[in-house]
Amino acid sequence: MSVSDPIADMLCRLRNGAAAEQEVVEMPHSILKGELARLMKKEGFVKDYVTEGSGGKKTLRVYLRYGANGQSVIQGIRRISKPGLRRYVMVTEIPQVLGGMGTAILSTSRGIMTGREAKKNKVGGEVLCYIW
């Protein structure tokens, strides 16, 4: 089965895994998904991520993070730019998610980065998702 929007599939798996209080969420690997997982780890939304397998059948395994009370660190996650409607922003239009409590993830000409990094580097791009 082919997924038409692999990013939305990844975000949905993370959202569902957090709701079900799972420790690990697995999905097919891609370079873009690996970069998203790297940023989520850097921003503190996930514990860790690992790429397993070789050749064309790699798997991305994301370890979810929970607070002291057992509640998921990921409170919400939303896909913004979709295959049917792409959302591009200039550096002056980069959104703040929940007044800075969340993170916008952008695909820029300099790679995948958070909204804060994009503003610092003075570069706009496609808004992939919000996570808070």
Protein backbone atom coordinates (compact mmCIF):
# COMPACT_ATOMS: atom_id res chain seq x y z
CA MET A 1 0.00 0.00 0.00
CA SER A 2 1.33 3.42 -0.94
CA VAL A 3 0.69 6.41 1.31
CA SER A 4 -0.02 9.65 -0.58
CA ASP A 5 1.25 11.85 2.27
CA PRO A 6 4.02 10.13 4.26
CA ILE A 7 4.53 13.14 6.57
CA ALA A 8 0.85 13.12 7.61
CA ASP A 9 1.16 9.35 8.15
CA MET A 10 4.17 9.88 10.44
CA LEU A 11 2.44 12.62 12.43
CA CYS A 12 -0.70 10.50 12.77
CA ARG A 13 1.34 7.53 14.05
CA LEU A 14 3.04 9.77 16.63
CA ARG A 15 -0.28 11.28 17.73
CA ASN A 16 -1.93 7.87 18.04
CA GLY A 17 1.09 6.37 19.83
CA ALA A 18 1.10 9.21 22.36
CA ALA A 19 -2.67 8.83 22.93
CA ALA A 20 -2.22 5.07 23.48
CA GLU A 21 0.78 5.74 25.80
CA GLN A 22 3.11 3.58 23.72
CA GLU A 23 6.86 3.68 24.33
CA VAL A 24 7.86 3.17 20.68
CA VAL A 25 6.27 4.05 17.33
CA GLU A 26 7.55 2.40 14.13
CA MET A 27 7.16 3.60 10.54
CA PRO A 28 8.84 3.23 7.15
CA HIS A 29 12.03 5.34 7.02
CA SER A 30 12.73 8.25 4.71
CA ILE A 31 15.33 11.01 4.92
CA LEU A 32 12.63 13.64 5.54
CA LYS A 33 11.04 11.62 8.36
CA GLY A 34 14.50 11.14 9.90
CA GLU A 35 15.05 14.91 9.85
CA LEU A 36 11.63 15.51 11.44
CA ALA A 37 12.48 13.00 14.19
CA ARG A 38 15.87 14.71 14.70
CA LEU A 39 14.19 18.09 15.18
CA MET A 40 11.56 16.62 17.51
CA LYS A 41 14.33 15.12 19.65
CA LYS A 42 16.28 18.39 19.63
CA GLU A 43 13.16 20.32 20.72
CA GLY A 44 12.43 17.76 23.47
CA PHE A 45 9.24 16.20 22.08
CA VAL A 46 10.64 12.66 21.72
CA LYS A 47 13.27 10.74 23.73
CA ASP A 48 15.18 9.28 20.81
CA TYR A 49 14.91 7.79 17.34
CA VAL A 50 16.70 4.94 15.58
CA THR A 51 16.91 3.85 11.95
CA GLU A 52 16.99 0.07 11.52
CA GLY A 53 17.30 -2.22 8.55
CA SER A 54 19.24 -1.92 5.33
CA GLY A 55 18.66 -1.28 1.67
CA GLY A 56 15.14 -0.27 0.68
CA LYS A 57 13.42 -1.66 3.79
CA LYS A 58 14.56 0.70 6.55
CA THR A 59 12.39 1.35 9.59
CA LEU A 60 12.31 4.50 11.69
CA ARG A 61 11.68 3.76 15.36
CA VAL A 62 10.71 6.80 17.48
CA TYR A 63 10.78 6.58 21.29
CA LEU A 64 8.07 8.80 22.77
CA ARG A 65 8.68 10.97 25.82
CA TYR A 66 6.37 11.28 28.82
CA GLY A 67 6.36 13.67 31.78
CA ALA A 68 6.55 12.79 35.48
CA ASN A 69 2.77 12.40 35.66
CA GLY A 70 2.74 9.96 32.72
CA GLN A 71 1.30 12.49 30.29
CA SER A 72 2.79 12.68 26.80
CA VAL A 73 5.08 15.61 26.05
CA ILE A 74 3.37 15.83 22.64
CA GLN A 75 0.07 17.57 23.42
CA GLY A 76 -0.81 18.24 19.80
CA ILE A 77 0.58 17.84 16.32
CA ARG A 78 -0.88 19.25 13.11
CA ARG A 79 0.03 18.97 9.43
CA ILE A 80 -0.08 22.40 7.76
CA SER A 81 1.19 22.10 4.18
CA LYS A 82 -0.63 19.26 2.42
CA PRO A 83 -0.11 17.74 -1.05
CA GLY A 84 -3.31 19.45 -2.27
CA LEU A 85 -2.52 22.82 -0.71
CA ARG A 86 1.08 23.81 -0.04
CA ARG A 87 1.73 26.56 2.53
CA TYR A 88 4.79 28.73 1.99
CA VAL A 89 5.87 31.64 4.19
CA MET A 90 8.45 34.39 3.98
CA VAL A 91 10.78 34.91 6.92
CA THR A 92 8.58 37.76 8.22
CA GLU A 93 5.50 35.48 8.20
CA ILE A 94 6.92 32.49 10.10
CA PRO A 95 4.22 31.59 12.65
CA GLN A 96 4.65 31.32 16.41
CA VAL A 97 2.92 28.20 17.75
CA LEU A 98 1.03 28.77 21.03
CA GLY A 99 2.93 31.97 21.74
CA GLY A 100 6.30 30.21 21.51
CA MET A 101 5.32 27.14 23.56
CA GLY A 102 5.13 24.99 20.42
CA THR A 103 7.31 24.61 17.35
CA ALA A 104 6.71 25.18 13.65
CA ILE A 105 8.79 22.90 11.40
CA LEU A 106 9.72 24.27 7.98
CA SER A 107 11.32 22.87 4.87
CA THR A 108 13.67 25.57 3.60
CA SER A 109 16.29 25.91 0.90
CA ARG A 110 18.85 25.22 3.66
CA GLY A 111 17.14 22.05 4.91
CA ILE A 112 14.52 21.14 7.49
CA MET A 113 14.52 23.49 10.49
CA THR A 114 12.34 24.93 13.23
CA GLY A 115 10.65 28.30 12.86
CA ARG A 116 13.12 29.87 15.32
CA GLU A 117 16.12 28.58 13.32
CA ALA A 118 14.56 29.80 10.07
CA LYS A 119 14.05 33.30 11.53
CA LYS A 120 17.64 33.32 12.82
CA ASN A 121 18.94 32.26 9.39
CA LYS A 122 16.58 34.76 7.67
CA VAL A 123 15.04 32.13 5.40
CA GLY A 124 11.41 31.23 4.66
CA GLY A 125 9.99 28.01 3.25
CA GLU A 126 7.19 25.47 3.36
CA VAL A 127 5.48 25.05 6.76
CA LEU A 128 5.35 21.27 7.23
CA CYS A 129 3.72 21.02 10.67
CA TYR A 130 3.11 22.48 14.11
CA ILE A 131 3.91 20.52 17.25
CA TRP A 132 3.13 21.50 20.83
